[in-house]
Protein backbone atom coordinates (compact mmCIF):
# COMPACT_ATOMS: atom_id res chain seq x y z
CA MET A 1 110.23 77.91 78.33
CA ASN A 2 113.26 79.97 79.34
CA ILE A 3 113.69 83.72 78.95
CA ASP A 4 115.53 83.33 75.64
CA GLU A 5 112.65 81.31 74.17
CA ALA A 6 110.12 83.79 75.56
CA LEU A 7 111.85 86.76 73.95
CA ARG A 8 112.20 84.93 70.62
CA GLU A 9 108.45 84.30 70.57
CA ILE A 10 107.75 87.98 71.14
CA ALA A 11 110.23 88.97 68.42
CA LYS A 12 108.57 86.59 65.96
CA TYR A 13 105.08 87.84 66.82
CA GLN A 14 106.08 91.50 66.53
CA ASN A 15 108.20 90.85 63.43
CA ILE A 16 111.31 92.48 64.86
CA GLU A 17 114.88 91.30 65.34
CA PHE A 18 115.55 89.10 68.35
CA LYS A 19 118.64 91.19 69.13
CA GLU A 20 116.44 94.27 69.53
CA ILE A 21 114.21 92.55 72.09
CA LEU A 22 117.19 91.05 73.91
CA ASN A 23 118.96 94.40 74.18
CA LYS A 24 115.82 95.99 75.56
CA TYR A 25 115.40 93.24 78.15
CA ASN A 26 119.06 93.43 79.19
CA THR A 27 118.76 97.19 79.66
CA ILE A 28 115.69 96.75 81.86
CA SER A 29 117.35 93.94 83.83
CA LYS A 30 120.27 96.23 84.69
CA LYS A 31 117.99 99.11 85.65
CA TYR A 32 115.42 97.28 87.78
CA PRO A 33 115.73 94.69 90.54
CA GLY A 34 113.10 92.12 91.40
CA TYR A 35 111.57 88.82 90.44
CA VAL A 36 110.01 89.94 87.14
CA LYS A 37 111.94 92.94 85.82
CA TRP A 38 109.44 93.96 83.15
CA SER A 39 106.70 94.49 85.75
CA ASN A 40 108.36 97.81 86.53
CA LEU A 41 107.37 99.13 83.09
CA SER A 42 103.77 97.97 83.54
CA ALA A 43 103.67 99.72 86.93
CA SER A 44 105.13 102.93 85.50
CA GLU A 45 102.55 102.96 82.71
CA TRP A 46 99.72 102.37 85.21
CA ASP A 47 100.92 105.16 87.52
CA MET A 48 101.31 107.60 84.65
CA MET A 49 97.77 106.96 83.36
CA ASN A 50 96.19 107.59 86.78
CA ILE A 51 93.55 104.87 86.29
CA LYS A 52 90.23 105.30 88.06
CA GLN A 53 90.47 102.19 90.21
CA ASP A 54 86.81 101.79 91.12
CA ASP A 55 85.67 101.88 87.50
CA VAL A 56 85.50 98.49 85.74
CA LYS A 57 85.69 100.00 82.26
CA SER A 58 88.80 102.06 83.03
CA VAL A 59 90.64 99.09 84.53
CA MET A 60 89.67 96.79 81.65
CA GLU A 61 90.75 99.38 79.06
CA PHE A 62 94.22 99.47 80.55
CA TYR A 63 94.64 95.71 80.20
CA LYS A 64 93.24 95.81 76.66
CA LYS A 65 95.75 98.40 75.44
CA THR A 66 98.97 98.06 77.43
CA PRO A 67 101.94 96.82 75.34
CA ASN A 68 103.95 95.89 78.43
CA TYR A 69 101.92 92.99 79.78
CA ILE A 70 103.05 90.67 76.96
CA PHE A 71 106.66 91.12 78.02
CA GLU A 72 105.93 90.94 81.75
CA LEU A 73 103.88 87.74 81.52
CA MET A 74 106.29 85.98 79.18
CA GLU A 75 109.12 86.79 81.59
CA TYR A 76 106.99 85.54 84.50
CA HIS A 77 106.20 82.24 82.77
CA SER A 78 109.88 81.71 82.03
CA THR A 79 110.73 81.52 85.75
CA GLU A 80 111.29 78.22 87.51
CA ALA A 81 108.87 79.19 90.30
CA LYS A 82 105.95 79.86 87.93
CA GLN A 83 106.61 76.65 86.04
CA ARG A 84 106.55 74.73 89.32
CA LEU A 85 103.17 76.29 90.09
CA SER A 86 101.80 75.31 86.67
CA ASN A 87 103.04 71.75 87.02
CA THR A 88 101.51 71.49 90.50
CA ILE A 89 98.10 72.22 88.96
CA ILE A 90 98.59 69.51 86.34
CA ASP A 91 99.54 66.99 89.03
CA VAL A 92 96.51 67.78 91.23
CA CYS A 93 94.14 67.63 88.25
CA ARG A 94 95.51 64.25 87.25
CA GLU A 95 95.16 62.94 90.81
CA ASN A 96 91.48 63.98 90.75
CA ASN A 97 90.78 62.63 87.24
CA PHE A 98 89.70 66.06 86.04
CA GLY A 99 88.98 66.74 82.38
CA ARG A 100 88.06 70.40 81.85
CA ILE A 101 90.39 73.19 83.00
CA LEU A 102 89.68 76.91 82.68
CA ASP A 103 92.41 79.51 83.18
CA PHE A 104 90.64 82.72 84.20
CA GLY A 105 92.88 85.70 83.47
CA ALA A 106 94.96 83.66 81.05
CA GLY A 107 97.14 86.46 79.67
CA VAL A 108 99.60 84.91 77.22
CA CYS A 109 97.82 81.52 77.62
CA GLN A 110 100.84 79.53 78.79
CA ASP A 111 98.90 77.63 81.45
CA SER A 112 96.20 76.66 78.96
CA ILE A 113 98.83 75.55 76.45
CA ASN A 114 100.43 73.47 79.19
CA ALA A 115 97.05 71.93 80.08
CA ALA A 116 96.29 71.07 76.46
CA ARG A 117 99.71 69.47 76.03
CA ASN A 118 98.90 67.30 79.03
CA ASN A 119 95.67 66.11 77.36
CA PHE A 120 93.20 68.24 79.30
CA ASP A 121 90.22 70.01 77.76
CA ALA A 122 91.65 73.53 78.12
CA THR A 123 89.97 76.94 77.99
CA ALA A 124 91.63 80.35 78.34
CA ALA A 125 89.64 83.43 79.36
CA ASP A 126 90.84 87.02 79.42
CA ILE A 127 90.05 90.59 78.41
CA PRO A 128 90.35 91.01 74.63
CA GLY A 129 93.24 93.21 73.63
CA LYS A 130 96.95 93.17 72.86
CA THR A 131 97.94 90.59 75.47
CA PHE A 132 95.16 88.09 74.75
CA ASP A 133 95.66 88.52 70.99
CA PHE A 134 99.24 87.41 71.54
CA GLY A 135 98.02 84.51 73.68
CA LYS A 136 95.66 83.37 70.91
CA TRP A 137 98.50 83.61 68.39
CA ARG A 138 100.64 81.43 70.66
CA ILE A 139 97.88 78.79 70.83
CA LYS A 140 97.67 78.69 67.05
CA SER A 141 101.44 78.72 66.50
CA LYS A 142 101.90 75.76 68.87
CA ASN A 143 99.10 73.81 67.20
CA VAL A 144 97.29 72.95 70.43
CA LYS A 145 93.56 72.78 71.04
CA VAL A 146 92.52 75.51 73.49
CA LYS A 147 89.15 77.24 73.54
CA THR A 148 89.15 80.95 74.31
CA ILE A 149 86.65 83.25 76.03
CA ASP A 150 86.75 87.04 75.69
CA ILE A 151 85.91 88.62 79.05
CA MET A 152 83.56 91.48 78.17
CA ASN A 153 82.03 91.97 81.63
CA GLU A 154 82.35 90.75 85.22
CA GLU A 155 80.36 87.54 84.60
CA PRO A 156 81.54 86.08 81.28
CA LEU A 157 81.28 82.31 81.92
CA VAL A 158 78.40 80.09 80.78
CA GLU A 159 79.87 76.57 81.13
CA ASN A 160 81.15 74.64 84.16
CA TYR A 161 84.64 73.24 84.77
CA ASP A 162 86.38 70.57 86.83
CA ALA A 163 89.18 72.99 87.63
CA ILE A 164 89.49 76.76 87.40
CA THR A 165 92.81 78.54 87.83
CA CYS A 166 92.83 82.17 88.89
CA PHE A 167 96.45 83.25 89.25
CA GLU A 168 97.22 86.82 90.37
CA VAL A 169 93.80 88.07 89.27
CA LEU A 170 91.67 88.97 92.29
CA GLN A 171 93.84 91.92 93.36
CA HIS A 172 93.34 93.44 89.90
CA VAL A 173 89.53 93.27 89.66
CA VAL A 174 87.19 96.02 90.84
CA SER A 175 84.90 93.59 92.68
CA PRO A 176 86.82 90.48 93.88
CA GLU A 177 83.70 89.21 95.69
CA LYS A 178 81.67 89.22 92.47
CA THR A 179 84.50 87.53 90.56
CA LEU A 180 84.99 84.87 93.22
CA ALA A 181 81.26 84.09 93.35
CA HIS A 182 81.14 83.83 89.56
CA LEU A 183 84.02 81.37 89.48
CA ARG A 184 82.46 79.34 92.31
CA ASP A 185 79.17 79.12 90.42
CA HIS A 186 80.93 77.68 87.36
CA LEU A 187 82.83 74.99 89.24
CA LYS A 188 81.51 71.46 88.84
CA PRO A 189 80.60 69.50 92.00
CA GLY A 190 83.85 68.09 93.38
CA GLY A 191 85.89 70.54 91.32
CA ILE A 192 88.73 72.73 92.54
CA LEU A 193 89.28 76.48 92.23
CA PHE A 194 93.02 77.24 92.33
CA ILE A 195 93.92 80.76 93.44
CA THR A 196 97.11 82.71 94.04
CA THR A 197 97.03 86.36 94.96
CA ARG A 198 98.79 89.12 96.87
CA PHE A 199 96.82 92.19 97.86
CA LYS A 200 99.66 94.15 99.50
CA ASN A 201 103.42 94.40 98.97
CA ASN A 202 102.61 94.10 95.29
CA TYR A 203 103.04 96.61 92.49
CA SER A 204 100.81 99.47 91.40
CA LEU A 205 98.35 97.39 89.36
CA ALA A 206 97.00 95.74 92.52
CA LEU A 207 93.97 97.90 93.28
CA LYS A 208 94.24 99.88 96.50
CA HIS A 209 90.69 99.18 97.70
CA ASN A 210 91.47 95.44 97.67
CA GLU A 211 94.37 95.74 100.11
CA CYS A 212 91.99 95.08 103.02
CA LEU A 213 91.82 91.43 101.89
CA GLU A 214 95.51 90.78 102.56
CA ASN A 215 94.91 89.65 106.14
CA THR A 216 91.31 88.48 105.71
CA PHE A 217 91.52 86.45 102.49
CA GLU A 218 90.73 83.07 104.05
CA GLU A 219 87.73 84.52 105.88
CA PHE A 220 86.66 86.21 102.63
CA VAL A 221 86.81 82.86 100.80
CA GLN A 222 84.77 81.08 103.44
CA LYS A 223 82.12 83.83 103.47
CA ASN A 224 81.68 83.14 99.77
CA ASP A 225 80.77 79.48 100.42
CA LEU A 226 84.12 77.98 99.51
CA ILE A 227 86.08 75.49 101.59
CA ILE A 228 89.86 75.66 101.80
CA LYS A 229 90.98 72.11 101.04
CA GLY A 230 94.66 72.90 100.69
CA LYS A 231 97.25 75.66 100.93
CA LYS A 232 100.63 75.06 99.31
CA HIS A 233 103.68 77.31 99.68
CA MET A 234 105.05 78.08 96.24
CA TRP A 235 107.87 80.58 96.75
CA GLY A 236 109.10 83.49 98.85
CA GLU A 237 109.27 84.11 102.57
CA LYS A 238 107.33 86.14 105.16
CA GLU A 239 105.34 88.99 103.55
CA ARG A 240 106.65 88.01 100.09
CA ALA A 241 105.53 84.38 100.36
CA LYS A 242 103.25 83.06 97.63
CA PHE A 243 100.64 80.41 98.41
CA LEU A 244 98.42 78.33 96.19
CA TYR A 245 94.90 77.87 97.60
CA LEU A 246 92.81 74.84 96.63
CA LEU A 247 89.12 75.66 97.11
CA ARG A 248 85.96 73.55 96.81
CA LYS A 249 82.28 74.40 97.00
């Protein structure tokens, strides 16, 4: 999926002209620098709303209602770097003969769609709202088999999985320790939890009280009874570097 295809999907879903979406994206691209241009609008909306960051309900309500996350995530998934990350997961899961993959914090459901197309038993989980509604529409429009889970609280899972992906999620949750423990508990023996995250040098939606984990993340993981079996550099350099962690129980 390139940016043109991503914008056409949004235009079709919202029943508006592609030219209108394209013009809006081009305007934003000229105004803002950075890897994902549309993230600037999400950050501005977050800052303006003055979200109470230690309140689970307030944080979840933002993600339910924001109109900007659809655009931001579709732009993100159109990048070569994100597609390389997604394909890395598929390769590792094949090497380990995994069957069931859960994407926790699935957003527009691209990773689950990719998993289903590669013949995995795919499940997408996220907060119900505008973004996940769009993700569910994408699943249906592409005629792939993906189960979905609406995240209504901090412990929404009931089944276990061979692989769980958790991309850019932990910095956004009120209690990353509770979330990590919940994911660990729903990993099958021998399974892998795939995590990417950045707690600092991120944008406004990364909760401030989680910044302390930037330099202690590996220790945090180990304290929660997970073993780091791999750490792969995905993109970026120095403080902007992005790593993929492969964790086992």
